[in-house]
Amino acid sequence: MTYAIEAEGLVKRFRETEALAGVDLAARKGTVLGLLGPNGAGKTTAVRIFATLLRPDGGWARVAGHDVVREAGVVRSLVGLTGQYAAVDENLTGTENLLLIGRLLGLPRREAKARAGELLERFQLTHAAGRAAKTYSGGMRRRLDLAASLVGRPSILFLDEPTTGLDPPPLSNALERGDPHAAASCGTCCAAWSRTGRPPC
């Protein structure tokens, strides 16, 4: 069986700090995997390794069957990532932010523009599409950031602290509006600290 996300013996150290000490996990396609724990537990470190932003110091990880070190380029082409904080260009409009992502992903201009419009509508940002992102509320910037992670129709979506700054409706509804196909079929990794002990998505 090919898992959406799998890891065995995953280790990551930052000098004297061992952020990951032999993590094993597996998530089937079409499921949601919640990584829960207090601040400093290594959730973000794991997500960054799965997204190929960090190299592990031990063990291995695969995303959609591809090794995150040896096949990093392939992995990057298959995943979307939303970090802890909204990573949008505040001087660009909502449309320009998504158009930029689309073009960086290699979409033709017309397709990138159509995808931007589609996501702005589904994330209820059409009314602000022509405004600079710096005029957005925190929740609007977060929705724009989530929309950006879906521009390339990723097979697997990584969300780090996905509810930070997000206005209602809940994250799950926002994602379903953003891309119903992705919400239903991609392996989704949520890294979040939930005081209630329940996944936020």
Protein backbone atom coordinates (compact mmCIF):
# COMPACT_ATOMS: atom_id res chain seq x y z
CA MET A 1 0.00 0.00 0.00
CA THR A 2 1.23 3.51 -0.88
CA TYR A 3 0.60 5.91 1.98
CA ALA A 4 0.07 9.63 1.59
CA ILE A 5 2.56 10.26 4.39
CA GLU A 6 4.82 7.79 6.16
CA ALA A 7 7.89 7.98 8.35
CA GLU A 8 10.05 5.59 10.34
CA GLY A 9 12.64 6.45 12.98
CA LEU A 10 12.52 10.13 12.04
CA VAL A 11 15.14 12.14 13.94
CA LYS A 12 15.97 15.84 13.84
CA ARG A 13 18.40 17.69 16.08
CA PHE A 14 19.13 21.37 16.48
CA ARG A 15 22.51 21.43 18.24
CA GLU A 16 21.79 20.03 21.71
CA THR A 17 18.01 19.88 21.20
CA GLU A 18 16.44 16.73 19.80
CA ALA A 19 13.23 17.96 18.19
CA LEU A 20 12.28 14.53 16.82
CA ALA A 21 13.44 11.34 18.54
CA GLY A 22 12.48 8.46 16.27
CA VAL A 23 9.00 9.31 14.98
CA ASP A 24 7.00 6.57 13.22
CA LEU A 25 3.72 7.33 11.48
CA ALA A 26 1.62 6.46 8.45
CA ALA A 27 -1.43 8.13 6.93
CA ARG A 28 -3.51 6.60 4.17
CA LYS A 29 -4.66 8.62 1.18
CA GLY A 30 -7.88 10.53 1.73
CA THR A 31 -7.43 10.80 5.50
CA VAL A 32 -6.65 13.56 7.96
CA LEU A 33 -3.63 13.07 10.21
CA GLY A 34 -3.53 15.28 13.29
CA LEU A 35 -0.21 15.88 15.05
CA LEU A 36 -1.08 17.02 18.55
CA GLY A 37 1.22 18.13 21.33
CA PRO A 38 2.43 21.10 23.37
CA ASN A 39 4.63 23.85 21.98
CA GLY A 40 8.10 22.50 21.26
CA ALA A 41 6.94 18.92 20.73
CA GLY A 42 8.32 18.82 17.16
CA LYS A 43 5.08 19.13 15.17
CA THR A 44 6.32 21.95 12.95
CA THR A 45 9.68 20.23 12.53
CA ALA A 46 7.93 17.10 11.25
CA VAL A 47 5.78 19.10 8.82
CA ARG A 48 8.85 20.94 7.52
CA ILE A 49 10.60 17.62 6.89
CA PHE A 50 7.56 16.23 5.06
CA ALA A 51 7.43 19.40 2.95
CA THR A 52 11.19 19.07 2.16
CA LEU A 53 12.11 22.31 3.96
CA LEU A 54 14.32 20.43 6.45
CA ARG A 55 16.48 17.33 6.07
CA PRO A 56 16.13 14.67 8.76
CA ASP A 57 19.20 13.61 10.71
CA GLY A 58 18.01 10.02 10.96
CA GLY A 59 15.28 7.71 9.74
CA TRP A 60 13.28 8.32 6.60
CA ALA A 61 10.05 9.89 5.38
CA ARG A 62 8.03 9.43 2.22
CA VAL A 63 5.23 11.55 0.80
CA ALA A 64 3.00 9.91 -1.81
CA GLY A 65 5.61 7.15 -2.01
CA HIS A 66 8.51 9.54 -2.71
CA ASP A 67 11.50 9.96 -0.42
CA VAL A 68 11.61 13.51 0.96
CA VAL A 69 15.40 13.73 0.60
CA ARG A 70 16.20 11.81 -2.60
CA GLU A 71 13.05 12.93 -4.46
CA ALA A 72 12.50 16.34 -2.91
CA GLY A 73 11.58 17.98 -6.23
CA VAL A 74 8.85 15.44 -6.91
CA VAL A 75 7.48 15.82 -3.39
CA ARG A 76 7.34 19.61 -3.76
CA SER A 77 5.31 19.26 -6.94
CA LEU A 78 2.69 17.19 -5.07
CA VAL A 79 2.20 19.12 -1.83
CA GLY A 80 0.72 22.35 -0.58
CA LEU A 81 1.83 24.01 2.66
CA THR A 82 0.31 26.60 4.93
CA GLY A 83 2.64 27.61 7.74
CA GLN A 84 1.92 28.94 11.21
CA TYR A 85 1.66 32.52 9.97
CA ALA A 86 0.05 33.87 6.82
CA ALA A 87 2.75 34.14 4.14
CA VAL A 88 1.15 36.57 1.73
CA ASP A 89 2.70 39.64 0.11
CA GLU A 90 0.85 42.46 1.85
CA ASN A 91 1.59 44.93 -0.93
CA LEU A 92 -0.10 42.77 -3.56
CA THR A 93 -3.85 42.39 -3.95
CA GLY A 94 -5.60 39.11 -3.20
CA THR A 95 -5.78 38.37 -6.91
CA GLU A 96 -2.13 39.26 -7.48
CA ASN A 97 -0.99 37.02 -4.62
CA LEU A 98 -2.75 33.98 -6.05
CA LEU A 99 -1.77 34.84 -9.62
CA LEU A 100 1.87 35.04 -8.52
CA ILE A 101 1.68 31.59 -6.92
CA GLY A 102 0.05 30.16 -10.02
CA ARG A 103 2.73 31.57 -12.30
CA LEU A 104 5.52 30.34 -10.00
CA LEU A 105 3.93 26.89 -10.22
CA GLY A 106 4.11 27.08 -14.01
CA LEU A 107 0.45 27.67 -14.78
CA PRO A 108 -0.27 29.61 -17.99
CA ARG A 109 -1.40 33.16 -17.19
CA ARG A 110 -5.01 32.56 -18.23
CA GLU A 111 -5.26 29.39 -16.13
CA ALA A 112 -3.59 31.05 -13.15
CA LYS A 113 -6.03 33.96 -13.34
CA ALA A 114 -9.02 31.63 -13.55
CA ARG A 115 -7.77 29.57 -10.61
CA ALA A 116 -7.21 32.74 -8.56
CA GLY A 117 -10.76 33.90 -9.22
CA GLU A 118 -12.18 30.49 -8.37
CA LEU A 119 -10.36 30.31 -5.03
CA LEU A 120 -11.14 33.90 -4.06
CA GLU A 121 -14.82 33.15 -4.59
CA ARG A 122 -14.76 29.88 -2.68
CA PHE A 123 -12.91 31.44 0.25
CA GLN A 124 -15.35 34.39 0.25
CA LEU A 125 -12.72 36.95 -0.68
CA THR A 126 -14.09 38.15 -4.02
CA HIS A 127 -15.20 41.47 -2.52
CA ALA A 128 -11.59 42.17 -1.47
CA ALA A 129 -9.83 40.67 -4.51
CA GLY A 130 -8.62 44.06 -5.76
CA ARG A 131 -7.44 45.33 -2.39
CA ALA A 132 -3.89 45.08 -1.04
CA ALA A 133 -3.57 42.21 1.42
CA LYS A 134 -2.31 44.66 4.07
CA THR A 135 -5.88 45.98 4.30
CA TYR A 136 -7.24 42.51 5.10
CA SER A 137 -8.23 41.39 8.56
CA GLY A 138 -6.16 38.61 10.14
CA GLY A 139 -8.82 36.05 9.26
CA MET A 140 -8.98 37.23 5.65
CA ARG A 141 -5.19 36.99 5.32
CA ARG A 142 -5.34 33.48 6.73
CA ARG A 143 -8.01 32.46 4.21
CA LEU A 144 -5.91 33.96 1.41
CA ASP A 145 -2.92 31.97 2.65
CA LEU A 146 -4.98 28.77 2.66
CA ALA A 147 -6.22 29.56 -0.85
CA ALA A 148 -2.61 30.02 -1.98
CA SER A 149 -1.74 26.53 -0.76
CA LEU A 150 -4.46 25.11 -3.02
CA VAL A 151 -3.59 26.98 -6.24
CA GLY A 152 -1.63 24.03 -7.61
CA ARG A 153 -4.30 21.47 -6.68
CA PRO A 154 -1.92 19.56 -4.37
CA SER A 155 -2.37 15.86 -3.75
CA ILE A 156 -1.33 16.35 -0.12
CA LEU A 157 -1.87 19.42 2.00
CA PHE A 158 0.19 20.28 5.09
CA LEU A 159 -1.31 22.71 7.58
CA ASP A 160 0.73 24.03 10.49
CA GLU A 161 -1.42 25.59 13.25
CA PRO A 162 -4.27 25.83 10.73
CA THR A 163 -6.78 27.64 12.94
CA THR A 164 -4.50 30.55 13.87
CA GLY A 165 -6.33 33.78 13.03
CA LEU A 166 -9.04 32.01 11.07
CA ASP A 167 -12.50 33.52 11.26
CA PRO A 168 -15.62 31.32 11.26
CA PRO A 169 -16.80 29.21 9.51
CA PRO A 170 -14.58 26.37 10.73
CA LEU A 171 -11.45 25.35 8.86
CA SER A 172 -13.04 22.22 7.42
CA ASN A 173 -15.80 24.26 5.77
CA ALA A 174 -13.27 26.76 4.42
CA LEU A 175 -11.25 23.97 2.85
CA GLU A 176 -14.32 22.36 1.33
CA ARG A 177 -15.23 25.70 -0.24
CA GLY A 178 -11.63 26.17 -1.35
CA ASP A 179 -11.44 22.91 -3.26
CA PRO A 180 -14.00 20.18 -2.62
CA HIS A 181 -11.93 17.64 -4.55
CA ALA A 182 -8.80 18.34 -2.53
CA ALA A 183 -10.71 18.27 0.74
CA ALA A 184 -12.11 14.87 -0.12
CA SER A 185 -9.11 13.15 -1.63
CA CYS A 186 -5.79 14.50 -0.40
CA GLY A 187 -3.85 13.29 2.57
CA THR A 188 -3.93 16.20 4.98
CA CYS A 189 -1.47 16.71 7.80
CA CYS A 190 -2.51 19.15 10.50
CA ALA A 191 0.08 20.23 13.05
CA ALA A 192 -1.57 22.03 15.93
CA TRP A 193 -1.70 22.29 19.68
CA SER A 194 -5.25 21.75 20.87
CA ARG A 195 -5.88 22.38 24.56
CA THR A 196 -9.03 20.29 24.28
CA GLY A 197 -6.96 17.40 22.98
CA ARG A 198 -8.95 17.27 19.74
CA PRO A 199 -7.71 17.97 16.22
CA PRO A 200 -8.73 21.48 15.11
CA CYS A 201 -9.69 20.19 11.68
